Amino acid sequence: MEQEQDVPMTGSLFQEQLRSKNCEPRFYAYYYKQWNNYRMNYHDHDSTEIMYIISGMCRVDVQMPDGSEEQTLLKKGQFILIDASVPHRLLVEDGAACRMLNVEFGFAVSTSSASVQPSIRQLALEEEEVQQFLQHACAYLVLPDPEEVYYIMKSLVLELDQRGLLEQGRSFQPIGVISQEERWEHREARNLKALDQGILVRTLFIQLLIRVARLRGEMSRSASDQTELYVKRTVEFMHQNMDRSIQMKDIAAAVNLHPGYLHRIFRQHTQRTPTDYLTMLRMEKAKMLLQQTDIPISEISDYVGVGSRQYFHMLFKKYTSLTPVAFRSSKDRHVSHYPMEE
């Protein structure tokens, strides 16, 4: 029986085939390189790319699917993963050299029916975080690294480098023997052709995928906790300041967030916009004041931070289906008499 040929696939880490077929990685390029005063043109390629910052800092611009542009600053110990076919560019300022470790890879359907290590599909079935990672596509991802990803990538590039020398007949040393000094020199290889890049390369890729998936999971959980904290602080600020004429920009400034971002995360967590939530607090306080105090209805709007009496009446009727007068008349009242101002 003839062995099946590789089925053409994209280079995307989030393609459905990785979760439905037995696939393995194909590395197309790698380099250790130091950049200084460099401005790359926008480009894309049918391979996923990881840029790891060894030292210094740089900026990576990414063109999003909706046509917008996002910029991210990267510093030592961070890496960016850019999905296949996503336009991007690298910028490094003069005098701020950036040393980087980079790999580019895609995928192919495995031609071996009895692989000694799990395929990406099998790994995703066994590792929940890998499954979640592969199912939630993103144009790019920036993560901090406690050096675990760095050491896996170093070993991966070392193995690819040594295998390349062996295949070219330029080295008869056992695989893995490259001096420490050489590892830090400028090393670059592009258009890698070997279809079978070896068990160790595939094993290191599996380790890399697991670690990146777990880091993303940790980041998502941390982001969720941080988001909940922002929402809690927002609600506290509203409770403490609802009697003032505060607006969305004031609320966002109090929790140090952009108004648009606060609006989005607040709605996700409460199913209400911040404005709707603030209105609810004000109307509930107005109901309490109408029912439990003898404060004149004409003054209630001032107690709940709504400057216009006409607007207050409109909001109150929309919220309760009653005018303030009708609401006060319809309820059993337990009145607390507020002292008159002298």
C-alpha atoms as a PDB file:
ATOM      1  CA  MET A   1       0.000   0.000   0.000  1.00  0.00           C
ATOM      2  CA  GLU A   2       1.345   3.412  -0.967  1.00  0.00           C
ATOM      3  CA  GLN A   3       1.887   5.924   1.815  1.00  0.00           C
ATOM      4  CA  GLU A   4      -0.493   8.884   1.721  1.00  0.00           C
ATOM      5  CA  GLN A   5       0.992  12.163   0.618  1.00  0.00           C
ATOM      6  CA  ASP A   6       0.893  15.256   2.853  1.00  0.00           C
ATOM      7  CA  VAL A   7      -2.418  17.065   2.497  1.00  0.00           C
ATOM      8  CA  PRO A   8      -1.928  20.809   1.840  1.00  0.00           C
ATOM      9  CA  MET A   9      -2.846  22.862   4.870  1.00  0.00           C
ATOM     10  CA  THR A  10      -2.559  26.464   5.949  1.00  0.00           C
ATOM     11  CA  GLY A  11       0.034  27.618   8.416  1.00  0.00           C
ATOM     12  CA  SER A  12      -2.574  28.757  10.962  1.00  0.00           C
ATOM     13  CA  LEU A  13      -2.356  27.445  14.502  1.00  0.00           C
ATOM     14  CA  PHE A  14      -6.141  27.738  14.768  1.00  0.00           C
ATOM     15  CA  GLN A  15      -7.258  25.805  11.684  1.00  0.00           C
ATOM     16  CA  GLU A  16      -9.860  23.104  12.262  1.00  0.00           C
ATOM     17  CA  GLN A  17      -7.707  20.408  10.630  1.00  0.00           C
ATOM     18  CA  LEU A  18      -5.349  20.399  13.611  1.00  0.00           C
ATOM     19  CA  ARG A  19      -8.223  19.210  15.791  1.00  0.00           C
ATOM     20  CA  SER A  20      -9.662  16.705  13.326  1.00  0.00           C
ATOM     21  CA  LYS A  21      -6.605  15.121  11.681  1.00  0.00           C
ATOM     22  CA  ASN A  22      -3.291  13.769  12.909  1.00  0.00           C
ATOM     23  CA  CYS A  23      -0.960  16.650  12.096  1.00  0.00           C
ATOM     24  CA  GLU A  24       2.614  17.558  12.885  1.00  0.00           C
ATOM     25  CA  PRO A  25       4.623  20.773  12.646  1.00  0.00           C
ATOM     26  CA  ARG A  26       6.859  21.905   9.780  1.00  0.00           C
ATOM     27  CA  PHE A  27       9.448  24.567  10.595  1.00  0.00           C
ATOM     28  CA  TYR A  28      10.257  26.908   7.720  1.00  0.00           C
ATOM     29  CA  ALA A  29      12.622  29.445   9.284  1.00  0.00           C
ATOM     30  CA  TYR A  30      14.416  30.436  12.464  1.00  0.00           C
ATOM     31  CA  TYR A  31      16.970  32.959  13.608  1.00  0.00           C
ATOM     32  CA  TYR A  32      18.872  34.477  16.490  1.00  0.00           C
ATOM     33  CA  LYS A  33      19.319  38.092  15.488  1.00  0.00           C
ATOM     34  CA  GLN A  34      20.022  41.539  16.903  1.00  0.00           C
ATOM     35  CA  TRP A  35      18.149  44.473  15.404  1.00  0.00           C
ATOM     36  CA  ASN A  36      18.986  48.165  15.704  1.00  0.00           C
ATOM     37  CA  ASN A  37      17.381  51.165  14.000  1.00  0.00           C
ATOM     38  CA  TYR A  38      15.244  48.860  11.888  1.00  0.00           C
ATOM     39  CA  ARG A  39      11.852  49.394  10.262  1.00  0.00           C
ATOM     40  CA  MET A  40      10.276  46.414   8.545  1.00  0.00           C
ATOM     41  CA  ASN A  41       7.593  46.799   5.882  1.00  0.00           C
ATOM     42  CA  TYR A  42       4.213  45.209   6.447  1.00  0.00           C
ATOM     43  CA  HIS A  43       4.268  41.614   5.246  1.00  0.00           C
ATOM     44  CA  ASP A  44       2.526  38.308   5.873  1.00  0.00           C
ATOM     45  CA  HIS A  45       3.320  34.650   5.273  1.00  0.00           C
ATOM     46  CA  ASP A  46       1.483  31.340   5.409  1.00  0.00           C
ATOM     47  CA  SER A  47       3.145  30.295   8.633  1.00  0.00           C
ATOM     48  CA  THR A  48       2.703  31.037  12.322  1.00  0.00           C
ATOM     49  CA  GLU A  49       5.525  33.097  13.822  1.00  0.00           C
ATOM     50  CA  ILE A  50       6.868  33.453  17.349  1.00  0.00           C
ATOM     51  CA  MET A  51       9.213  36.354  18.173  1.00  0.00           C
ATOM     52  CA  TYR A  52      10.877  36.043  21.585  1.00  0.00           C
ATOM     53  CA  ILE A  53      12.661  39.102  23.024  1.00  0.00           C
ATOM     54  CA  ILE A  54      15.964  38.030  24.587  1.00  0.00           C
ATOM     55  CA  SER A  55      17.110  41.560  25.398  1.00  0.00           C
ATOM     56  CA  GLY A  56      16.159  45.160  24.630  1.00  0.00           C
ATOM     57  CA  MET A  57      12.770  46.141  23.302  1.00  0.00           C
ATOM     58  CA  CYS A  58      10.870  46.572  20.047  1.00  0.00           C
ATOM     59  CA  ARG A  59       7.470  47.395  18.637  1.00  0.00           C
ATOM     60  CA  VAL A  60       5.313  45.112  16.536  1.00  0.00           C
ATOM     61  CA  ASP A  61       2.407  46.522  14.516  1.00  0.00           C
ATOM     62  CA  VAL A  62      -0.388  44.174  13.444  1.00  0.00           C
ATOM     63  CA  GLN A  63      -3.146  44.793  10.904  1.00  0.00           C
ATOM     64  CA  MET A  64      -6.332  43.279  12.296  1.00  0.00           C
ATOM     65  CA  PRO A  65      -8.993  41.481  10.213  1.00  0.00           C
ATOM     66  CA  ASP A  66     -11.301  44.518  10.480  1.00  0.00           C
ATOM     67  CA  GLY A  67      -8.632  46.732   8.895  1.00  0.00           C
ATOM     68  CA  SER A  68      -7.564  48.469  12.099  1.00  0.00           C
ATOM     69  CA  GLU A  69      -3.959  48.573  13.279  1.00  0.00           C
ATOM     70  CA  GLU A  70      -2.770  47.538  16.717  1.00  0.00           C
ATOM     71  CA  GLN A  71       0.650  48.274  18.194  1.00  0.00           C
ATOM     72  CA  THR A  72       2.369  46.411  20.985  1.00  0.00           C
ATOM     73  CA  LEU A  73       5.644  47.127  22.749  1.00  0.00           C
ATOM     74  CA  LEU A  74       7.688  44.077  23.625  1.00  0.00           C
ATOM     75  CA  LYS A  75      10.485  43.903  26.172  1.00  0.00           C
ATOM     76  CA  LYS A  76      12.859  41.282  27.519  1.00  0.00           C
ATOM     77  CA  GLY A  77      11.093  38.090  28.570  1.00  0.00           C
ATOM     78  CA  GLN A  78       8.008  38.614  26.412  1.00  0.00           C
ATOM     79  CA  PHE A  79       7.046  36.959  23.158  1.00  0.00           C
ATOM     80  CA  ILE A  80       4.458  37.531  20.473  1.00  0.00           C
ATOM     81  CA  LEU A  81       2.740  34.775  18.498  1.00  0.00           C
ATOM     82  CA  ILE A  82       1.386  35.961  15.131  1.00  0.00           C
ATOM     83  CA  ASP A  83      -1.005  33.699  13.255  1.00  0.00           C
ATOM     84  CA  ALA A  84      -0.497  32.824   9.598  1.00  0.00           C
ATOM     85  CA  SER A  85      -1.460  35.402   6.936  1.00  0.00           C
ATOM     86  CA  VAL A  86      -1.713  38.248   9.455  1.00  0.00           C
ATOM     87  CA  PRO A  87       0.095  41.386   8.130  1.00  0.00           C
ATOM     88  CA  HIS A  88       2.666  42.681  10.605  1.00  0.00           C
ATOM     89  CA  ARG A  89       5.908  44.591  10.872  1.00  0.00           C
ATOM     90  CA  LEU A  90       8.797  45.013  13.302  1.00  0.00           C
ATOM     91  CA  LEU A  91      10.200  48.366  14.394  1.00  0.00           C
ATOM     92  CA  VAL A  92      13.335  48.898  16.488  1.00  0.00           C
ATOM     93  CA  GLU A  93      14.477  52.381  17.459  1.00  0.00           C
ATOM     94  CA  ASP A  94      18.017  53.641  17.010  1.00  0.00           C
ATOM     95  CA  GLY A  95      20.052  53.096  20.175  1.00  0.00           C
ATOM     96  CA  ALA A  96      17.594  50.551  21.588  1.00  0.00           C
ATOM     97  CA  ALA A  97      18.955  47.308  20.168  1.00  0.00           C
ATOM     98  CA  CYS A  98      16.687  44.296  20.353  1.00  0.00           C
ATOM     99  CA  ARG A  99      17.976  40.727  20.364  1.00  0.00           C
ATOM    100  CA  MET A 100      15.395  38.217  19.268  1.00  0.00           C
ATOM    101  CA  LEU A 101      14.830  34.503  18.848  1.00  0.00           C
ATOM    102  CA  ASN A 102      12.348  33.722  16.092  1.00  0.00           C
ATOM    103  CA  VAL A 103      10.703  30.612  14.611  1.00  0.00           C
ATOM    104  CA  GLU A 104       8.201  30.236  11.778  1.00  0.00           C
ATOM    105  CA  PHE A 105       6.181  27.064  11.332  1.00  0.00           C
ATOM    106  CA  GLY A 106       3.190  25.505   9.634  1.00  0.00           C
ATOM    107  CA  PHE A 107       1.620  22.076   9.620  1.00  0.00           C
ATOM    108  CA  ALA A 108       1.153  18.936   7.560  1.00  0.00           C
ATOM    109  CA  VAL A 109      -0.905  15.807   7.965  1.00  0.00           C
ATOM    110  CA  SER A 110       1.247  13.101   9.507  1.00  0.00           C
ATOM    111  CA  THR A 111       2.258  10.339   7.109  1.00  0.00           C
ATOM    112  CA  SER A 112       2.988   7.914   9.940  1.00  0.00           C
ATOM    113  CA  SER A 113       0.142   5.753  11.204  1.00  0.00           C
ATOM    114  CA  ALA A 114       2.035   4.746  14.334  1.00  0.00           C
ATOM    115  CA  SER A 115       3.808   7.839  15.614  1.00  0.00           C
ATOM    116  CA  VAL A 116       5.869   7.523  18.773  1.00  0.00           C
ATOM    117  CA  GLN A 117       4.387  10.776  20.089  1.00  0.00           C
ATOM    118  CA  PRO A 118       0.856  12.198  20.096  1.00  0.00           C
ATOM    119  CA  SER A 119      -0.377  14.291  17.205  1.00  0.00           C
ATOM    120  CA  ILE A 120      -1.681  17.800  17.865  1.00  0.00           C
ATOM    121  CA  ARG A 121      -5.232  16.413  17.679  1.00  0.00           C
ATOM    122  CA  GLN A 122      -4.483  13.740  20.279  1.00  0.00           C
ATOM    123  CA  LEU A 123      -2.753  16.294  22.485  1.00  0.00           C
ATOM    124  CA  ALA A 124      -5.793  18.583  22.333  1.00  0.00           C
ATOM    125  CA  LEU A 125      -8.035  15.691  23.393  1.00  0.00           C
ATOM    126  CA  GLU A 126      -5.858  15.012  26.442  1.00  0.00           C
ATOM    127  CA  GLU A 127      -4.973  18.599  27.416  1.00  0.00           C
ATOM    128  CA  GLU A 128      -7.995  20.832  28.044  1.00  0.00           C
ATOM    129  CA  GLU A 129      -5.944  24.042  27.911  1.00  0.00           C
ATOM    130  CA  VAL A 130      -4.494  23.070  24.521  1.00  0.00           C
ATOM    131  CA  GLN A 131      -8.015  22.359  23.255  1.00  0.00           C
ATOM    132  CA  GLN A 132      -9.236  25.745  24.492  1.00  0.00           C
ATOM    133  CA  PHE A 133      -6.221  27.499  23.007  1.00  0.00           C
ATOM    134  CA  LEU A 134      -6.650  25.977  19.545  1.00  0.00           C
ATOM    135  CA  GLN A 135     -10.385  26.716  19.490  1.00  0.00           C
ATOM    136  CA  HIS A 136     -10.077  30.429  20.292  1.00  0.00           C
ATOM    137  CA  ALA A 137      -8.421  32.004  17.275  1.00  0.00           C
ATOM    138  CA  CYS A 138      -6.656  35.345  17.508  1.00  0.00           C
ATOM    139  CA  ALA A 139      -4.586  37.389  15.072  1.00  0.00           C
ATOM    140  CA  TYR A 140      -1.782  37.684  17.594  1.00  0.00           C
ATOM    141  CA  LEU A 141      -1.025  37.000  21.218  1.00  0.00           C
ATOM    142  CA  VAL A 142       1.501  38.619  23.577  1.00  0.00           C
ATOM    143  CA  LEU A 143       2.573  36.684  26.662  1.00  0.00           C
ATOM    144  CA  PRO A 144       5.166  37.036  29.422  1.00  0.00           C
ATOM    145  CA  ASP A 145       7.443  34.067  29.956  1.00  0.00           C
ATOM    146  CA  PRO A 146       9.144  32.791  33.113  1.00  0.00           C
ATOM    147  CA  GLU A 147      11.876  31.532  30.707  1.00  0.00           C
ATOM    148  CA  GLU A 148      10.281  28.124  30.090  1.00  0.00           C
ATOM    149  CA  VAL A 149       9.242  29.029  26.525  1.00  0.00           C
ATOM    150  CA  TYR A 150      12.653  30.552  25.909  1.00  0.00           C
ATOM    151  CA  TYR A 151      14.522  27.373  26.845  1.00  0.00           C
ATOM    152  CA  ILE A 152      12.210  25.221  24.717  1.00  0.00           C
ATOM    153  CA  MET A 153      12.693  27.560  21.745  1.00  0.00           C
ATOM    154  CA  LYS A 154      16.472  27.564  22.256  1.00  0.00           C
ATOM    155  CA  SER A 155      16.547  23.763  22.224  1.00  0.00           C
ATOM    156  CA  LEU A 156      14.279  23.711  19.184  1.00  0.00           C
ATOM    157  CA  VAL A 157      16.433  26.115  17.171  1.00  0.00           C
ATOM    158  CA  LEU A 158      19.579  24.293  18.259  1.00  0.00           C
ATOM    159  CA  GLU A 159      18.140  21.012  17.013  1.00  0.00           C
ATOM    160  CA  LEU A 160      16.994  22.510  13.695  1.00  0.00           C
ATOM    161  CA  ASP A 161      20.386  24.168  13.268  1.00  0.00           C
ATOM    162  CA  GLN A 162      22.337  21.007  13.959  1.00  0.00           C
ATOM    163  CA  ARG A 163      20.134  18.904  11.688  1.00  0.00           C
ATOM    164  CA  GLY A 164      20.643  21.455   8.922  1.00  0.00           C
ATOM    165  CA  LEU A 165      24.426  21.173   9.243  1.00  0.00           C
ATOM    166  CA  LEU A 166      24.248  17.386   9.190  1.00  0.00           C
ATOM    167  CA  GLU A 167      22.015  17.346   6.114  1.00  0.00           C
ATOM    168  CA  GLN A 168      24.437  19.634   4.283  1.00  0.00           C
ATOM    169  CA  GLY A 169      27.357  17.375   5.190  1.00  0.00           C
ATOM    170  CA  ARG A 170      29.073  20.218   7.047  1.00  0.00           C
ATOM    171  CA  SER A 171      29.164  18.501  10.423  1.00  0.00           C
ATOM    172  CA  PHE A 172      29.806  14.979  11.625  1.00  0.00           C
ATOM    173  CA  GLN A 173      29.274  15.817  15.255  1.00  0.00           C
ATOM    174  CA  PRO A 174      26.452  14.138  17.168  1.00  0.00           C
ATOM    175  CA  ILE A 175      23.186  16.061  17.048  1.00  0.00           C
ATOM    176  CA  GLY A 176      23.015  18.737  19.716  1.00  0.00           C
ATOM    177  CA  VAL A 177      26.682  19.694  19.798  1.00  0.00           C
ATOM    178  CA  ILE A 178      26.999  23.415  19.135  1.00  0.00           C
ATOM    179  CA  SER A 179      29.147  25.468  21.461  1.00  0.00           C
ATOM    180  CA  GLN A 180      27.606  27.955  23.868  1.00  0.00           C
ATOM    181  CA  GLU A 181      29.427  30.798  22.105  1.00  0.00           C
ATOM    182  CA  GLU A 182      28.025  29.807  18.712  1.00  0.00           C
ATOM    183  CA  ARG A 183      24.493  29.711  20.055  1.00  0.00           C
ATOM    184  CA  TRP A 184      24.641  33.444  20.749  1.00  0.00           C
ATOM    185  CA  GLU A 185      26.099  34.401  17.378  1.00  0.00           C
ATOM    186  CA  HIS A 186      23.892  35.603  14.543  1.00  0.00           C
ATOM    187  CA  ARG A 187      22.313  32.412  13.219  1.00  0.00           C
ATOM    188  CA  GLU A 188      19.659  32.334  10.548  1.00  0.00           C
ATOM    189  CA  ALA A 189      18.018  29.727   8.336  1.00  0.00           C
ATOM    190  CA  ARG A 190      15.114  30.202   5.974  1.00  0.00           C
ATOM    191  CA  ASN A 191      13.201  28.012   3.538  1.00  0.00           C
ATOM    192  CA  LEU A 192      13.904  24.807   5.455  1.00  0.00           C
ATOM    193  CA  LYS A 193      13.089  21.958   3.095  1.00  0.00           C
ATOM    194  CA  ALA A 194      13.299  18.724   5.117  1.00  0.00           C
ATOM    195  CA  LEU A 195       9.908  17.028   5.371  1.00  0.00           C
ATOM    196  CA  ASP A 196      10.934  14.914   8.337  1.00  0.00           C
ATOM    197  CA  GLN A 197      12.567  17.195  10.870  1.00  0.00           C
ATOM    198  CA  GLY A 198      12.950  14.488  13.467  1.00  0.00           C
ATOM    199  CA  ILE A 199      11.321  13.153  16.599  1.00  0.00           C
ATOM    200  CA  LEU A 200      13.106  15.617  18.879  1.00  0.00           C
ATOM    201  CA  VAL A 201      11.839  18.624  16.885  1.00  0.00           C
ATOM    202  CA  ARG A 202       8.270  17.314  17.062  1.00  0.00           C
ATOM    203  CA  THR A 203       8.620  16.583  20.783  1.00  0.00           C
ATOM    204  CA  LEU A 204       9.946  20.077  21.479  1.00  0.00           C
ATOM    205  CA  PHE A 205       7.088  21.581  19.492  1.00  0.00           C
ATOM    206  CA  ILE A 206       4.571  19.649  21.606  1.00  0.00           C
ATOM    207  CA  GLN A 207       6.255  21.038  24.743  1.00  0.00           C
ATOM    208  CA  LEU A 208       6.146  24.540  23.247  1.00  0.00           C
ATOM    209  CA  LEU A 209       2.452  24.254  22.367  1.00  0.00           C
ATOM    210  CA  ILE A 210       1.531  23.015  25.850  1.00  0.00           C
ATOM    211  CA  ARG A 211       3.482  25.796  27.552  1.00  0.00           C
ATOM    212  CA  VAL A 212       2.019  28.555  25.347  1.00  0.00           C
ATOM    213  CA  ALA A 213      -1.506  27.173  25.878  1.00  0.00           C
ATOM    214  CA  ARG A 214      -1.025  27.118  29.647  1.00  0.00           C
ATOM    215  CA  LEU A 215       0.410  30.635  29.691  1.00  0.00           C
ATOM    216  CA  ARG A 216      -2.583  31.863  27.727  1.00  0.00           C
ATOM    217  CA  GLY A 217      -4.912  30.089  30.144  1.00  0.00           C
ATOM    218  CA  GLU A 218      -3.147  31.713  33.099  1.00  0.00           C
ATOM    219  CA  MET A 219      -3.345  35.115  31.407  1.00  0.00           C
ATOM    220  CA  SER A 220      -7.067  34.676  30.684  1.00  0.00           C
ATOM    221  CA  ARG A 221      -7.802  33.756  34.295  1.00  0.00           C
ATOM    222  CA  SER A 222      -5.714  36.676  35.531  1.00  0.00           C
ATOM    223  CA  ALA A 223      -7.451  39.029  33.088  1.00  0.00           C
ATOM    224  CA  SER A 224     -10.832  37.768  34.288  1.00  0.00           C
ATOM    225  CA  ASP A 225      -9.873  38.449  37.910  1.00  0.00           C
ATOM    226  CA  GLN A 226      -8.607  41.914  36.951  1.00  0.00           C
ATOM    227  CA  THR A 227     -11.783  42.645  35.018  1.00  0.00           C
ATOM    228  CA  GLU A 228     -13.932  41.691  37.994  1.00  0.00           C
ATOM    229  CA  LEU A 229     -11.883  44.042  40.147  1.00  0.00           C
ATOM    230  CA  TYR A 230     -12.438  46.923  37.703  1.00  0.00           C
ATOM    231  CA  VAL A 231     -16.185  46.256  37.655  1.00  0.00           C
ATOM    232  CA  LYS A 232     -16.294  46.120  41.463  1.00  0.00           C
ATOM    233  CA  ARG A 233     -14.430  49.442  41.734  1.00  0.00           C
ATOM    234  CA  THR A 234     -16.755  50.987  39.155  1.00  0.00           C
ATOM    235  CA  VAL A 235     -19.843  49.943  41.114  1.00  0.00           C
ATOM    236  CA  GLU A 236     -18.329  51.274  44.344  1.00  0.00           C
ATOM    237  CA  PHE A 237     -17.567  54.617  42.687  1.00  0.00           C
ATOM    238  CA  MET A 238     -21.140  54.860  41.424  1.00  0.00           C
ATOM    239  CA  HIS A 239     -22.598  54.140  44.859  1.00  0.00           C
ATOM    240  CA  GLN A 240     -20.377  56.775  46.449  1.00  0.00           C
ATOM    241  CA  ASN A 241     -20.973  59.449  43.798  1.00  0.00           C
ATOM    242  CA  MET A 242     -24.472  58.888  42.409  1.00  0.00           C
ATOM    243  CA  ASP A 243     -25.632  62.152  44.000  1.00  0.00           C
ATOM    244  CA  ARG A 244     -23.139  64.043  41.831  1.00  0.00           C
ATOM    245  CA  SER A 245     -23.523  64.863  38.158  1.00  0.00           C
ATOM    246  CA  ILE A 246     -21.017  62.216  37.031  1.00  0.00           C
ATOM    247  CA  GLN A 247     -20.649  61.023  33.457  1.00  0.00           C
ATOM    248  CA  MET A 248     -19.069  58.018  31.783  1.00  0.00           C
ATOM    249  CA  LYS A 249     -15.744  59.806  31.378  1.00  0.00           C
ATOM    250  CA  ASP A 250     -15.653  60.533  35.132  1.00  0.00           C
ATOM    251  CA  ILE A 251     -16.344  56.909  36.020  1.00  0.00           C
ATOM    252  CA  ALA A 252     -13.671  55.625  33.612  1.00  0.00           C
ATOM    253  CA  ALA A 253     -11.126  58.117  34.919  1.00  0.00           C
ATOM    254  CA  ALA A 254     -11.806  56.985  38.504  1.00  0.00           C
ATOM    255  CA  VAL A 255     -10.777  53.402  37.657  1.00  0.00           C
ATOM    256  CA  ASN A 256      -8.039  54.382  35.145  1.00  0.00           C
ATOM    257  CA  LEU A 257      -9.634  52.781  32.094  1.00  0.00           C
ATOM    258  CA  HIS A 258     -10.606  53.966  28.638  1.00  0.00           C
ATOM    259  CA  PRO A 259     -14.393  54.664  28.554  1.00  0.00           C
ATOM    260  CA  GLY A 260     -14.931  52.293  25.627  1.00  0.00           C
ATOM    261  CA  TYR A 261     -13.097  49.428  27.308  1.00  0.00           C
ATOM    262  CA  LEU A 262     -14.903  49.986  30.618  1.00  0.00           C
ATOM    263  CA  HIS A 263     -18.248  50.011  28.816  1.00  0.00           C
ATOM    264  CA  ARG A 264     -17.433  46.657  27.199  1.00  0.00           C
ATOM    265  CA  ILE A 265     -16.215  44.771  30.275  1.00  0.00           C
ATOM    266  CA  PHE A 266     -18.945  46.230  32.512  1.00  0.00           C
ATOM    267  CA  ARG A 267     -21.664  45.083  30.144  1.00  0.00           C
ATOM    268  CA  GLN A 268     -20.109  41.620  29.866  1.00  0.00           C
ATOM    269  CA  HIS A 269     -20.188  41.203  33.651  1.00  0.00           C
ATOM    270  CA  THR A 270     -23.482  42.893  34.596  1.00  0.00           C
ATOM    271  CA  GLN A 271     -25.562  42.663  31.411  1.00  0.00           C
ATOM    272  CA  ARG A 272     -26.027  46.432  31.765  1.00  0.00           C
ATOM    273  CA  THR A 273     -24.121  49.414  30.471  1.00  0.00           C
ATOM    274  CA  PRO A 274     -22.490  51.633  33.136  1.00  0.00           C
ATOM    275  CA  THR A 275     -25.014  54.371  32.297  1.00  0.00           C
ATOM    276  CA  ASP A 276     -27.960  51.999  32.762  1.00  0.00           C
ATOM    277  CA  TYR A 277     -26.507  50.739  36.037  1.00  0.00           C
ATOM    278  CA  LEU A 278     -26.017  54.280  37.350  1.00  0.00           C
ATOM    279  CA  THR A 279     -29.593  55.169  36.375  1.00  0.00           C
ATOM    280  CA  MET A 280     -30.852  52.093  38.233  1.00  0.00           C
ATOM    281  CA  LEU A 281     -28.966  53.152  41.400  1.00  0.00           C
ATOM    282  CA  ARG A 282     -30.338  56.682  41.161  1.00  0.00           C
ATOM    283  CA  MET A 283     -33.913  55.592  40.596  1.00  0.00           C
ATOM    284  CA  GLU A 284     -33.768  53.096  43.485  1.00  0.00           C
ATOM    285  CA  LYS A 285     -32.479  55.860  45.736  1.00  0.00           C
ATOM    286  CA  ALA A 286     -35.216  58.174  44.458  1.00  0.00           C
ATOM    287  CA  LYS A 287     -37.846  55.528  45.285  1.00  0.00           C
ATOM    288  CA  MET A 288     -36.460  55.238  48.802  1.00  0.00           C
ATOM    289  CA  LEU A 289     -36.463  59.016  49.312  1.00  0.00           C
ATOM    290  CA  LEU A 290     -40.021  59.368  47.993  1.00  0.00           C
ATOM    291  CA  GLN A 291     -41.275  56.575  50.214  1.00  0.00           C
ATOM    292  CA  GLN A 292     -39.330  57.189  53.420  1.00  0.00           C
ATOM    293  CA  THR A 293     -38.753  60.970  53.601  1.00  0.00           C
ATOM    294  CA  ASP A 294     -40.705  64.197  53.317  1.00  0.00           C
ATOM    295  CA  ILE A 295     -38.195  65.773  50.947  1.00  0.00           C
ATOM    296  CA  PRO A 296     -40.159  67.796  48.362  1.00  0.00           C
ATOM    297  CA  ILE A 297     -40.452  66.019  45.033  1.00  0.00           C
ATOM    298  CA  SER A 298     -38.986  69.083  43.311  1.00  0.00           C
ATOM    299  CA  GLU A 299     -35.737  68.516  45.231  1.00  0.00           C
ATOM    300  CA  ILE A 300     -35.378  64.732  44.833  1.00  0.00           C
ATOM    301  CA  SER A 301     -33.505  65.111  41.538  1.00  0.00           C
ATOM    302  CA  ASP A 302     -30.703  66.974  43.316  1.00  0.00           C
ATOM    303  CA  TYR A 303     -30.319  64.154  45.850  1.00  0.00           C
ATOM    304  CA  VAL A 304     -29.745  61.580  43.084  1.00  0.00           C
ATOM    305  CA  GLY A 305     -27.414  63.578  40.844  1.00  0.00           C
ATOM    306  CA  VAL A 306     -29.897  64.388  38.066  1.00  0.00           C
ATOM    307  CA  GLY A 307     -29.637  68.121  37.541  1.00  0.00           C
ATOM    308  CA  SER A 308     -32.731  68.578  35.395  1.00  0.00           C
ATOM    309  CA  ARG A 309     -36.067  68.024  37.178  1.00  0.00           C
ATOM    310  CA  GLN A 310     -37.798  67.389  33.870  1.00  0.00           C
ATOM    311  CA  TYR A 311     -35.227  64.755  32.944  1.00  0.00           C
ATOM    312  CA  PHE A 312     -35.546  63.169  36.393  1.00  0.00           C
ATOM    313  CA  HIS A 313     -39.329  62.886  35.972  1.00  0.00           C
ATOM    314  CA  MET A 314     -38.839  61.264  32.571  1.00  0.00           C
ATOM    315  CA  LEU A 315     -36.262  58.756  33.901  1.00  0.00           C
ATOM    316  CA  PHE A 316     -38.364  57.917  36.947  1.00  0.00           C
ATOM    317  CA  LYS A 317     -41.501  57.241  34.942  1.00  0.00           C
ATOM    318  CA  LYS A 318     -39.567  55.130  32.457  1.00  0.00           C
ATOM    319  CA  TYR A 319     -38.051  53.124  35.318  1.00  0.00           C
ATOM    320  CA  THR A 320     -41.204  52.686  37.484  1.00  0.00           C
ATOM    321  CA  SER A 321     -44.085  53.382  35.069  1.00  0.00           C
ATOM    322  CA  LEU A 322     -45.237  56.000  37.600  1.00  0.00           C
ATOM    323  CA  THR A 323     -44.585  59.689  38.039  1.00  0.00           C
ATOM    324  CA  PRO A 324     -42.803  60.643  41.288  1.00  0.00           C
ATOM    325  CA  VAL A 325     -46.088  62.105  42.592  1.00  0.00           C
ATOM    326  CA  ALA A 326     -48.039  58.940  41.784  1.00  0.00           C
ATOM    327  CA  PHE A 327     -45.320  56.748  43.303  1.00  0.00           C
ATOM    328  CA  ARG A 328     -45.311  58.700  46.586  1.00  0.00           C
ATOM    329  CA  SER A 329     -49.089  58.591  46.762  1.00  0.00           C
ATOM    330  CA  SER A 330     -49.299  54.863  46.048  1.00  0.00           C
ATOM    331  CA  LYS A 331     -46.940  53.627  48.771  1.00  0.00           C
ATOM    332  CA  ASP A 332     -47.268  53.161  52.507  1.00  0.00           C
ATOM    333  CA  ARG A 333     -44.797  55.632  53.838  1.00  0.00           C
ATOM    334  CA  HIS A 334     -42.467  55.447  56.823  1.00  0.00           C
ATOM    335  CA  VAL A 335     -41.270  59.019  56.864  1.00  0.00           C
ATOM    336  CA  SER A 336     -37.950  60.223  58.226  1.00  0.00           C
ATOM    337  CA  HIS A 337     -38.012  64.001  58.646  1.00  0.00           C
ATOM    338  CA  TYR A 338     -34.838  65.609  57.324  1.00  0.00           C
ATOM    339  CA  PRO A 339     -33.784  68.777  59.192  1.00  0.00           C
ATOM    340  CA  MET A 340     -34.451  72.011  57.343  1.00  0.00           C
ATOM    341  CA  GLU A 341     -31.456  74.029  56.260  1.00  0.00           C
ATOM    342  CA  GLU A 342     -31.059  77.278  58.202  1.00  0.00           C
END
